[in-house]
């Protein structure tokens, strides 16, 4: 019995050792497969990650323009784009009908207008948010002017409607007005009242009132030509009180939103304007 018991014990011990060896082999195999799977996953996901990063970087470039060191190239490209158009608007109105305007996106639009050679730019939202916070918009424009165009922002000033702070954008030869609803219908009412006073004082007669007279009486756009083009942003099919007297012959192009707008979308609107035939009411 002792011999048989010893034999059984050795057999059991050998079986246990074989089981442990098999367990270690299985664990090693599983570790190898896990490592291989991880390597395969990395190999598969790496191109997608790179593509995603490229798309994000490209989207940022499209909205903001070239990265640091590329301001000169971006400036040359945008100026060339402006010269390539069959006609370039002298005065562009940027009208936001959305409830939450973006200072950064509006600043991008203003700087792009300057970069392609547009001389006059008007910014308008029907709640008057930009005009009430004009210093914030100014700061964002100065920041993006330096980032996108690489210009000396110390020489840059903005003309705000009905404010004493006036000036020319010396580097880009552009001038900006920030408007609100009070610069539209309310300005027309004020002009009519002033004309009535002139008639009452016998300085004018009722027959003196014509288009040029009213233009001279309107204060909100003094020194500004009528807009050639209005870019309206948002779902509302209305300019919501933007300079009603001055846009009689203005081309109006609607865009879905000014939020995250790209330079390509902006330039496409300019290209559309350049290709349109304006009949001037004929």
C-alpha atoms as a PDB file:
ATOM      1  CA  UNK A   1       0.000   0.000   0.000  1.00  0.00           C
ATOM      2  CA  UNK A   2       2.857   2.339   0.789  1.00  0.00           C
ATOM      3  CA  UNK A   3       4.336   1.747  -2.683  1.00  0.00           C
ATOM      4  CA  UNK A   4       0.982   2.350  -4.338  1.00  0.00           C
ATOM      5  CA  UNK A   5       0.392   5.448  -2.187  1.00  0.00           C
ATOM      6  CA  UNK A   6       3.807   6.855  -3.085  1.00  0.00           C
ATOM      7  CA  UNK A   7       3.147   6.237  -6.749  1.00  0.00           C
ATOM      8  CA  UNK A   8      -0.220   7.966  -6.536  1.00  0.00           C
ATOM      9  CA  UNK A   9       1.334  10.902  -4.716  1.00  0.00           C
ATOM     10  CA  UNK A  10       4.058  11.301  -7.396  1.00  0.00           C
ATOM     11  CA  UNK A  11       1.424  11.074 -10.133  1.00  0.00           C
ATOM     12  CA  UNK A  12      -0.684  13.726  -8.404  1.00  0.00           C
ATOM     13  CA  UNK A  13       2.366  15.955  -7.953  1.00  0.00           C
ATOM     14  CA  UNK A  14       3.300  15.576 -11.646  1.00  0.00           C
ATOM     15  CA  UNK A  15      -0.278  16.365 -12.636  1.00  0.00           C
ATOM     16  CA  UNK A  16      -0.255  19.498 -10.463  1.00  0.00           C
ATOM     17  CA  UNK A  17       3.033  20.660 -12.007  1.00  0.00           C
ATOM     18  CA  UNK A  18       1.661  20.074 -15.484  1.00  0.00           C
ATOM     19  CA  UNK A  19      -1.444  22.080 -14.593  1.00  0.00           C
ATOM     20  CA  UNK A  20       0.676  24.987 -13.322  1.00  0.00           C
ATOM     21  CA  UNK A  21       2.810  24.923 -16.482  1.00  0.00           C
ATOM     22  CA  UNK A  22      -0.326  24.933 -18.589  1.00  0.00           C
ATOM     23  CA  UNK A  23      -1.695  27.886 -16.593  1.00  0.00           C
ATOM     24  CA  UNK A  24       1.524  29.868 -17.093  1.00  0.00           C
ATOM     25  CA  UNK A  25       1.470  29.093 -20.788  1.00  0.00           C
ATOM     26  CA  UNK A  26      -2.135  30.227 -21.078  1.00  0.00           C
ATOM     27  CA  UNK A  27      -1.361  33.482 -19.216  1.00  0.00           C
ATOM     28  CA  UNK A  28       1.630  34.164 -21.442  1.00  0.00           C
ATOM     29  CA  UNK A  29      -0.502  33.515 -24.503  1.00  0.00           C
ATOM     30  CA  UNK A  30      -3.202  35.871 -23.280  1.00  0.00           C
ATOM     31  CA  UNK A  31      -0.632  38.589 -22.535  1.00  0.00           C
ATOM     32  CA  UNK A  32       0.798  38.217 -26.026  1.00  0.00           C
ATOM     33  CA  UNK A  33      -2.613  38.443 -27.634  1.00  0.00           C
ATOM     34  CA  UNK A  34      -3.478  41.510 -25.554  1.00  0.00           C
ATOM     35  CA  UNK A  35      -0.262  43.220 -26.577  1.00  0.00           C
ATOM     36  CA  UNK A  36      -0.856  42.350 -30.201  1.00  0.00           C
ATOM     37  CA  UNK A  37      -4.418  43.603 -30.000  1.00  0.00           C
ATOM     38  CA  UNK A  38      -3.263  46.857 -28.421  1.00  0.00           C
ATOM     39  CA  UNK A  39      -0.650  47.319 -31.111  1.00  0.00           C
ATOM     40  CA  UNK A  40      -3.224  46.624 -33.807  1.00  0.00           C
ATOM     41  CA  UNK A  41      -5.654  49.075 -32.244  1.00  0.00           C
ATOM     42  CA  UNK A  42      -2.995  51.762 -32.089  1.00  0.00           C
ATOM     43  CA  UNK A  43      -2.076  51.132 -35.693  1.00  0.00           C
ATOM     44  CA  UNK A  44      -5.702  51.400 -36.733  1.00  0.00           C
ATOM     45  CA  UNK A  45      -6.542  54.415 -34.602  1.00  0.00           C
ATOM     46  CA  UNK A  46      -3.415  56.445 -35.256  1.00  0.00           C
ATOM     47  CA  UNK A  47      -4.386  57.501 -38.807  1.00  0.00           C
ATOM     48  CA  UNK A  48      -7.857  58.444 -37.605  1.00  0.00           C
ATOM     49  CA  UNK A  49      -6.389  60.477 -34.758  1.00  0.00           C
ATOM     50  CA  UNK A  50      -4.008  62.212 -37.126  1.00  0.00           C
ATOM     51  CA  UNK A  51      -6.846  62.912 -39.545  1.00  0.00           C
ATOM     52  CA  UNK A  52      -8.993  64.292 -36.751  1.00  0.00           C
ATOM     53  CA  UNK A  53      -6.180  66.529 -35.584  1.00  0.00           C
ATOM     54  CA  UNK A  54      -5.597  67.697 -39.143  1.00  0.00           C
ATOM     55  CA  UNK A  55      -9.266  68.507 -39.632  1.00  0.00           C
ATOM     56  CA  UNK A  56      -9.342  70.481 -36.383  1.00  0.00           C
ATOM     57  CA  UNK A  57      -6.196  72.362 -37.320  1.00  0.00           C
ATOM     58  CA  UNK A  58      -7.524  73.025 -40.810  1.00  0.00           C
ATOM     59  CA  UNK A  59     -10.814  74.293 -39.394  1.00  0.00           C
ATOM     60  CA  UNK A  60      -8.923  76.628 -37.062  1.00  0.00           C
ATOM     61  CA  UNK A  61      -6.814  77.890 -39.973  1.00  0.00           C
ATOM     62  CA  UNK A  62      -9.883  78.415 -42.137  1.00  0.00           C
ATOM     63  CA  UNK A  63     -11.565  80.525 -39.467  1.00  0.00           C
ATOM     64  CA  UNK A  64      -8.531  82.327 -38.064  1.00  0.00           C
ATOM     65  CA  UNK A  65      -6.195  82.367 -41.026  1.00  0.00           C
ATOM     66  CA  UNK A  66      -2.563  81.243 -41.157  1.00  0.00           C
ATOM     67  CA  UNK A  67      -0.619  80.372 -38.041  1.00  0.00           C
ATOM     68  CA  UNK A  68       2.098  82.504 -36.516  1.00  0.00           C
ATOM     69  CA  UNK A  69       4.750  83.349 -39.093  1.00  0.00           C
ATOM     70  CA  UNK A  70       2.227  83.074 -41.930  1.00  0.00           C
ATOM     71  CA  UNK A  71       0.586  86.467 -41.488  1.00  0.00           C
ATOM     72  CA  UNK A  72       2.426  87.896 -44.501  1.00  0.00           C
ATOM     73  CA  UNK A  73       1.342  84.975 -46.688  1.00  0.00           C
ATOM     74  CA  UNK A  74      -2.241  85.295 -45.475  1.00  0.00           C
ATOM     75  CA  UNK A  75      -2.222  89.057 -46.100  1.00  0.00           C
ATOM     76  CA  UNK A  76      -0.905  88.551 -49.632  1.00  0.00           C
ATOM     77  CA  UNK A  77      -3.454  85.835 -50.343  1.00  0.00           C
ATOM     78  CA  UNK A  78      -6.424  87.886 -49.122  1.00  0.00           C
ATOM     79  CA  UNK A  79      -5.297  91.003 -50.982  1.00  0.00           C
ATOM     80  CA  UNK A  80      -4.906  88.910 -54.140  1.00  0.00           C
ATOM     81  CA  UNK A  81      -8.404  87.505 -53.617  1.00  0.00           C
ATOM     82  CA  UNK A  82      -9.799  91.032 -53.458  1.00  0.00           C
ATOM     83  CA  UNK A  83      -8.025  92.070 -56.665  1.00  0.00           C
ATOM     84  CA  UNK A  84      -9.238  88.937 -58.448  1.00  0.00           C
ATOM     85  CA  UNK A  85     -12.924  89.854 -57.993  1.00  0.00           C
ATOM     86  CA  UNK A  86     -14.648  91.520 -60.934  1.00  0.00           C
ATOM     87  CA  UNK A  87     -16.017  94.134 -58.541  1.00  0.00           C
ATOM     88  CA  UNK A  88     -15.368  94.724 -54.863  1.00  0.00           C
ATOM     89  CA  UNK A  89     -17.935  96.422 -52.612  1.00  0.00           C
ATOM     90  CA  UNK A  90     -16.837  99.757 -51.209  1.00  0.00           C
ATOM     91  CA  UNK A  91     -19.109  99.494 -48.157  1.00  0.00           C
ATOM     92  CA  UNK A  92     -20.170  96.178 -46.602  1.00  0.00           C
ATOM     93  CA  UNK A  93     -22.769  95.878 -43.845  1.00  0.00           C
ATOM     94  CA  UNK A  94     -22.459  92.926 -41.464  1.00  0.00           C
ATOM     95  CA  UNK A  95     -25.929  92.355 -40.011  1.00  0.00           C
ATOM     96  CA  UNK A  96     -26.452  89.770 -37.258  1.00  0.00           C
ATOM     97  CA  UNK A  97     -30.038  88.674 -36.636  1.00  0.00           C
ATOM     98  CA  UNK A  98     -29.073  85.945 -34.168  1.00  0.00           C
ATOM     99  CA  UNK A  99     -29.724  86.408 -30.453  1.00  0.00           C
ATOM    100  CA  UNK A 100     -26.184  85.706 -29.224  1.00  0.00           C
ATOM    101  CA  UNK A 101     -23.573  87.506 -31.315  1.00  0.00           C
ATOM    102  CA  UNK A 102     -19.963  86.353 -31.229  1.00  0.00           C
ATOM    103  CA  UNK A 103     -17.286  89.023 -30.793  1.00  0.00           C
ATOM    104  CA  UNK A 104     -14.525  86.757 -32.098  1.00  0.00           C
ATOM    105  CA  UNK A 105     -16.393  85.752 -35.246  1.00  0.00           C
ATOM    106  CA  UNK A 106     -17.493  89.301 -35.969  1.00  0.00           C
ATOM    107  CA  UNK A 107     -13.915  90.507 -35.502  1.00  0.00           C
ATOM    108  CA  UNK A 108     -12.760  87.897 -38.025  1.00  0.00           C
ATOM    109  CA  UNK A 109     -15.288  89.186 -40.557  1.00  0.00           C
ATOM    110  CA  UNK A 110     -14.193  92.790 -40.014  1.00  0.00           C
ATOM    111  CA  UNK A 111     -10.507  91.931 -40.423  1.00  0.00           C
ATOM    112  CA  UNK A 112     -11.200  89.882 -43.565  1.00  0.00           C
ATOM    113  CA  UNK A 113     -13.063  92.868 -45.026  1.00  0.00           C
ATOM    114  CA  UNK A 114     -10.008  95.014 -44.359  1.00  0.00           C
ATOM    115  CA  UNK A 115      -7.659  92.378 -45.766  1.00  0.00           C
ATOM    116  CA  UNK A 116      -9.390  92.104 -49.159  1.00  0.00           C
ATOM    117  CA  UNK A 117      -9.504  95.891 -49.534  1.00  0.00           C
ATOM    118  CA  UNK A 118     -13.038  96.927 -48.503  1.00  0.00           C
ATOM    119  CA  UNK A 119     -12.978 100.600 -47.494  1.00  0.00           C
ATOM    120  CA  UNK A 120     -16.053 100.863 -45.228  1.00  0.00           C
ATOM    121  CA  UNK A 121     -17.558  98.288 -42.864  1.00  0.00           C
ATOM    122  CA  UNK A 122     -20.723  98.573 -40.769  1.00  0.00           C
ATOM    123  CA  UNK A 123     -21.479  96.160 -37.930  1.00  0.00           C
ATOM    124  CA  UNK A 124     -25.090  95.850 -36.745  1.00  0.00           C
ATOM    125  CA  UNK A 125     -27.191  93.697 -34.471  1.00  0.00           C
ATOM    126  CA  UNK A 126     -30.830  94.420 -33.704  1.00  0.00           C
ATOM    127  CA  UNK A 127     -30.292  94.323 -29.930  1.00  0.00           C
ATOM    128  CA  UNK A 128     -27.460  96.851 -30.003  1.00  0.00           C
ATOM    129  CA  UNK A 129     -25.116  94.469 -28.183  1.00  0.00           C
ATOM    130  CA  UNK A 130     -22.040  95.272 -30.269  1.00  0.00           C
ATOM    131  CA  UNK A 131     -22.559  99.016 -29.906  1.00  0.00           C
ATOM    132  CA  UNK A 132     -23.069  98.851 -26.136  1.00  0.00           C
ATOM    133  CA  UNK A 133     -19.912  96.756 -25.819  1.00  0.00           C
ATOM    134  CA  UNK A 134     -17.895  98.444 -28.524  1.00  0.00           C
ATOM    135  CA  UNK A 135     -14.678  98.408 -26.476  1.00  0.00           C
ATOM    136  CA  UNK A 136     -14.849  94.612 -26.247  1.00  0.00           C
ATOM    137  CA  UNK A 137     -15.380  94.337 -29.996  1.00  0.00           C
ATOM    138  CA  UNK A 138     -12.540  96.799 -30.534  1.00  0.00           C
ATOM    139  CA  UNK A 139     -10.154  94.712 -28.433  1.00  0.00           C
ATOM    140  CA  UNK A 140     -11.028  91.571 -30.378  1.00  0.00           C
ATOM    141  CA  UNK A 141     -10.540  93.339 -33.723  1.00  0.00           C
ATOM    142  CA  UNK A 142      -7.137  94.657 -32.646  1.00  0.00           C
ATOM    143  CA  UNK A 143      -6.107  91.214 -31.467  1.00  0.00           C
ATOM    144  CA  UNK A 144      -7.124  89.496 -34.669  1.00  0.00           C
ATOM    145  CA  UNK A 145      -5.707  92.243 -36.840  1.00  0.00           C
ATOM    146  CA  UNK A 146      -2.321  91.566 -35.301  1.00  0.00           C
ATOM    147  CA  UNK A 147      -2.698  87.773 -35.422  1.00  0.00           C
ATOM    148  CA  UNK A 148      -4.058  87.541 -38.970  1.00  0.00           C
ATOM    149  CA  UNK A 149      -2.406  90.489 -40.681  1.00  0.00           C
ATOM    150  CA  UNK A 150       0.635  91.108 -38.517  1.00  0.00           C
ATOM    151  CA  UNK A 151      -0.035  94.844 -38.414  1.00  0.00           C
ATOM    152  CA  UNK A 152       0.834  97.471 -35.839  1.00  0.00           C
ATOM    153  CA  UNK A 153      -2.387  97.753 -33.839  1.00  0.00           C
ATOM    154  CA  UNK A 154      -1.251 100.954 -32.120  1.00  0.00           C
ATOM    155  CA  UNK A 155      -2.123 102.820 -35.332  1.00  0.00           C
ATOM    156  CA  UNK A 156      -5.625 101.367 -35.498  1.00  0.00           C
ATOM    157  CA  UNK A 157      -8.768 103.162 -34.366  1.00  0.00           C
ATOM    158  CA  UNK A 158     -12.456 102.595 -34.978  1.00  0.00           C
ATOM    159  CA  UNK A 159     -15.208 105.078 -35.693  1.00  0.00           C
ATOM    160  CA  UNK A 160     -18.304 104.354 -33.628  1.00  0.00           C
ATOM    161  CA  UNK A 161     -21.582 105.849 -34.777  1.00  0.00           C
ATOM    162  CA  UNK A 162     -22.822 108.760 -32.650  1.00  0.00           C
ATOM    163  CA  UNK A 163     -19.603 108.707 -30.613  1.00  0.00           C
ATOM    164  CA  UNK A 164     -16.815 111.230 -30.445  1.00  0.00           C
ATOM    165  CA  UNK A 165     -14.184 108.559 -30.984  1.00  0.00           C
ATOM    166  CA  UNK A 166     -13.397 108.666 -34.704  1.00  0.00           C
ATOM    167  CA  UNK A 167     -10.534 107.689 -36.902  1.00  0.00           C
ATOM    168  CA  UNK A 168      -9.210 105.838 -39.900  1.00  0.00           C
ATOM    169  CA  UNK A 169      -7.829 102.331 -40.021  1.00  0.00           C
ATOM    170  CA  UNK A 170      -4.481 103.582 -41.261  1.00  0.00           C
ATOM    171  CA  UNK A 171      -2.886 100.271 -42.129  1.00  0.00           C
ATOM    172  CA  UNK A 172      -5.769  98.847 -44.142  1.00  0.00           C
ATOM    173  CA  UNK A 173      -7.366 102.110 -45.249  1.00  0.00           C
ATOM    174  CA  UNK A 174     -10.726 100.973 -43.907  1.00  0.00           C
ATOM    175  CA  UNK A 175     -13.227 102.627 -41.602  1.00  0.00           C
ATOM    176  CA  UNK A 176     -15.667 100.874 -39.281  1.00  0.00           C
ATOM    177  CA  UNK A 177     -18.997 101.952 -37.824  1.00  0.00           C
ATOM    178  CA  UNK A 178     -20.850 100.000 -35.145  1.00  0.00           C
ATOM    179  CA  UNK A 179     -24.582 100.607 -35.456  1.00  0.00           C
ATOM    180  CA  UNK A 180     -27.769  99.768 -33.580  1.00  0.00           C
ATOM    181  CA  UNK A 181     -31.515 100.275 -34.265  1.00  0.00           C
ATOM    182  CA  UNK A 182     -31.300 103.871 -33.028  1.00  0.00           C
ATOM    183  CA  UNK A 183     -29.155 104.636 -36.074  1.00  0.00           C
ATOM    184  CA  UNK A 184     -31.909 103.478 -38.444  1.00  0.00           C
ATOM    185  CA  UNK A 185     -35.533 104.597 -38.196  1.00  0.00           C
ATOM    186  CA  UNK A 186     -34.840 106.817 -35.194  1.00  0.00           C
ATOM    187  CA  UNK A 187     -32.200 108.684 -37.190  1.00  0.00           C
ATOM    188  CA  UNK A 188     -34.681 109.252 -40.029  1.00  0.00           C
ATOM    189  CA  UNK A 189     -37.218 110.677 -37.550  1.00  0.00           C
ATOM    190  CA  UNK A 190     -34.572 112.988 -36.124  1.00  0.00           C
ATOM    191  CA  UNK A 191     -33.599 114.132 -39.629  1.00  0.00           C
ATOM    192  CA  UNK A 192     -37.261 114.883 -40.444  1.00  0.00           C
ATOM    193  CA  UNK A 193     -37.614 116.905 -37.251  1.00  0.00           C
ATOM    194  CA  UNK A 194     -34.497 118.897 -38.056  1.00  0.00           C
ATOM    195  CA  UNK A 195     -35.760 119.635 -41.553  1.00  0.00           C
ATOM    196  CA  UNK A 196     -39.135 120.787 -40.192  1.00  0.00           C
ATOM    197  CA  UNK A 197     -37.316 123.154 -37.860  1.00  0.00           C
ATOM    198  CA  UNK A 198     -35.341 124.561 -40.784  1.00  0.00           C
ATOM    199  CA  UNK A 199     -38.590 125.135 -42.677  1.00  0.00           C
ATOM    200  CA  UNK A 200     -40.189 126.760 -39.619  1.00  0.00           C
ATOM    201  CA  UNK A 201     -37.183 129.048 -39.327  1.00  0.00           C
ATOM    202  CA  UNK A 202     -37.555 129.850 -43.044  1.00  0.00           C
ATOM    203  CA  UNK A 203     -34.045 128.576 -43.732  1.00  0.00           C
ATOM    204  CA  UNK A 204     -35.473 125.925 -46.053  1.00  0.00           C
ATOM    205  CA  UNK A 205     -38.674 125.350 -48.013  1.00  0.00           C
ATOM    206  CA  UNK A 206     -40.538 122.093 -48.378  1.00  0.00           C
ATOM    207  CA  UNK A 207     -39.415 121.884 -52.019  1.00  0.00           C
ATOM    208  CA  UNK A 208     -35.766 121.672 -50.879  1.00  0.00           C
ATOM    209  CA  UNK A 209     -36.270 118.166 -49.541  1.00  0.00           C
ATOM    210  CA  UNK A 210     -34.697 115.588 -51.837  1.00  0.00           C
ATOM    211  CA  UNK A 211     -32.459 112.535 -51.592  1.00  0.00           C
ATOM    212  CA  UNK A 212     -29.270 114.523 -51.145  1.00  0.00           C
ATOM    213  CA  UNK A 213     -30.832 116.745 -48.494  1.00  0.00           C
ATOM    214  CA  UNK A 214     -31.981 113.768 -46.446  1.00  0.00           C
ATOM    215  CA  UNK A 215     -28.583 112.116 -46.810  1.00  0.00           C
ATOM    216  CA  UNK A 216     -26.957 115.224 -45.373  1.00  0.00           C
ATOM    217  CA  UNK A 217     -29.406 115.357 -42.470  1.00  0.00           C
ATOM    218  CA  UNK A 218     -28.798 111.751 -41.429  1.00  0.00           C
ATOM    219  CA  UNK A 219     -26.072 111.666 -38.788  1.00  0.00           C
ATOM    220  CA  UNK A 220     -25.514 107.945 -38.274  1.00  0.00           C
ATOM    221  CA  UNK A 221     -23.742 107.411 -41.600  1.00  0.00           C
ATOM    222  CA  UNK A 222     -22.229 110.854 -42.141  1.00  0.00           C
ATOM    223  CA  UNK A 223     -19.214 110.442 -44.405  1.00  0.00           C
ATOM    224  CA  UNK A 224     -20.173 106.869 -45.295  1.00  0.00           C
ATOM    225  CA  UNK A 225     -21.429 105.835 -48.746  1.00  0.00           C
ATOM    226  CA  UNK A 226     -24.535 103.667 -48.970  1.00  0.00           C
ATOM    227  CA  UNK A 227     -23.777  99.948 -48.493  1.00  0.00           C
ATOM    228  CA  UNK A 228     -23.083  98.076 -51.724  1.00  0.00           C
ATOM    229  CA  UNK A 229     -23.472  94.726 -49.987  1.00  0.00           C
ATOM    230  CA  UNK A 230     -25.124  93.487 -46.806  1.00  0.00           C
ATOM    231  CA  UNK A 231     -24.174  90.099 -45.394  1.00  0.00           C
ATOM    232  CA  UNK A 232     -27.090  89.053 -43.193  1.00  0.00           C
ATOM    233  CA  UNK A 233     -26.418  86.263 -40.701  1.00  0.00           C
ATOM    234  CA  UNK A 234     -29.178  84.191 -39.134  1.00  0.00           C
ATOM    235  CA  UNK A 235     -32.532  82.574 -39.924  1.00  0.00           C
ATOM    236  CA  UNK A 236     -34.595  85.794 -39.909  1.00  0.00           C
ATOM    237  CA  UNK A 237     -35.574  86.992 -43.390  1.00  0.00           C
ATOM    238  CA  UNK A 238     -35.190  90.647 -42.468  1.00  0.00           C
ATOM    239  CA  UNK A 239     -32.446  93.179 -41.879  1.00  0.00           C
ATOM    240  CA  UNK A 240     -34.283  94.185 -38.663  1.00  0.00           C
ATOM    241  CA  UNK A 241     -33.970  97.933 -39.044  1.00  0.00           C
ATOM    242  CA  UNK A 242     -30.461  98.186 -40.490  1.00  0.00           C
ATOM    243  CA  UNK A 243     -30.166 101.579 -42.244  1.00  0.00           C
ATOM    244  CA  UNK A 244     -33.573 101.408 -44.014  1.00  0.00           C
ATOM    245  CA  UNK A 245     -32.934 104.584 -46.047  1.00  0.00           C
ATOM    246  CA  UNK A 246     -29.476 103.594 -47.256  1.00  0.00           C
ATOM    247  CA  UNK A 247     -30.081 100.056 -48.560  1.00  0.00           C
ATOM    248  CA  UNK A 248     -32.490 100.941 -51.368  1.00  0.00           C
ATOM    249  CA  UNK A 249     -30.069  99.601 -53.984  1.00  0.00           C
ATOM    250  CA  UNK A 250     -28.017  97.317 -51.760  1.00  0.00           C
ATOM    251  CA  UNK A 251     -27.345  93.692 -52.648  1.00  0.00           C
ATOM    252  CA  UNK A 252     -28.317  91.486 -49.673  1.00  0.00           C
ATOM    253  CA  UNK A 253     -26.829  88.003 -49.258  1.00  0.00           C
ATOM    254  CA  UNK A 254     -28.087  85.736 -46.466  1.00  0.00           C
ATOM    255  CA  UNK A 255     -25.807  83.310 -44.639  1.00  0.00           C
ATOM    256  CA  UNK A 256     -26.973  80.743 -42.053  1.00  0.00           C
ATOM    257  CA  UNK A 257     -24.863  82.053 -39.176  1.00  0.00           C
ATOM    258  CA  UNK A 258     -21.839  84.143 -38.325  1.00  0.00           C
ATOM    259  CA  UNK A 259     -20.790  81.619 -35.686  1.00  0.00           C
ATOM    260  CA  UNK A 260     -17.628  79.721 -36.662  1.00  0.00           C
ATOM    261  CA  UNK A 261     -17.791  81.210 -40.148  1.00  0.00           C
ATOM    262  CA  UNK A 262     -14.795  80.476 -42.362  1.00  0.00           C
ATOM    263  CA  UNK A 263     -12.917  82.738 -44.716  1.00  0.00           C
ATOM    264  CA  UNK A 264     -14.044  80.537 -47.611  1.00  0.00           C
ATOM    265  CA  UNK A 265     -17.701  81.186 -46.756  1.00  0.00           C
ATOM    266  CA  UNK A 266     -17.039  84.916 -46.504  1.00  0.00           C
ATOM    267  CA  UNK A 267     -15.160  85.046 -49.805  1.00  0.00           C
ATOM    268  CA  UNK A 268     -17.837  82.949 -51.507  1.00  0.00           C
ATOM    269  CA  UNK A 269     -20.370  85.654 -50.617  1.00  0.00           C
ATOM    270  CA  UNK A 270     -18.069  88.316 -52.099  1.00  0.00           C
ATOM    271  CA  UNK A 271     -17.674  86.210 -55.228  1.00  0.00           C
ATOM    272  CA  UNK A 272     -21.473  85.933 -55.484  1.00  0.00           C
ATOM    273  CA  UNK A 273     -21.768  89.707 -55.208  1.00  0.00           C
ATOM    274  CA  UNK A 274     -19.088  90.226 -57.855  1.00  0.00           C
ATOM    275  CA  UNK A 275     -20.956  87.966 -60.269  1.00  0.00           C
ATOM    276  CA  UNK A 276     -24.413  89.494 -59.777  1.00  0.00           C
ATOM    277  CA  UNK A 277     -25.857  92.016 -62.222  1.00  0.00           C
ATOM    278  CA  UNK A 278     -27.272  95.050 -60.470  1.00  0.00           C
ATOM    279  CA  UNK A 279     -29.936  96.820 -62.527  1.00  0.00           C
ATOM    280  CA  UNK A 280     -30.306  99.790 -60.138  1.00  0.00           C
ATOM    281  CA  UNK A 281     -34.097  99.549 -60.170  1.00  0.00           C
ATOM    282  CA  UNK A 282     -34.417  99.304 -63.966  1.00  0.00           C
END
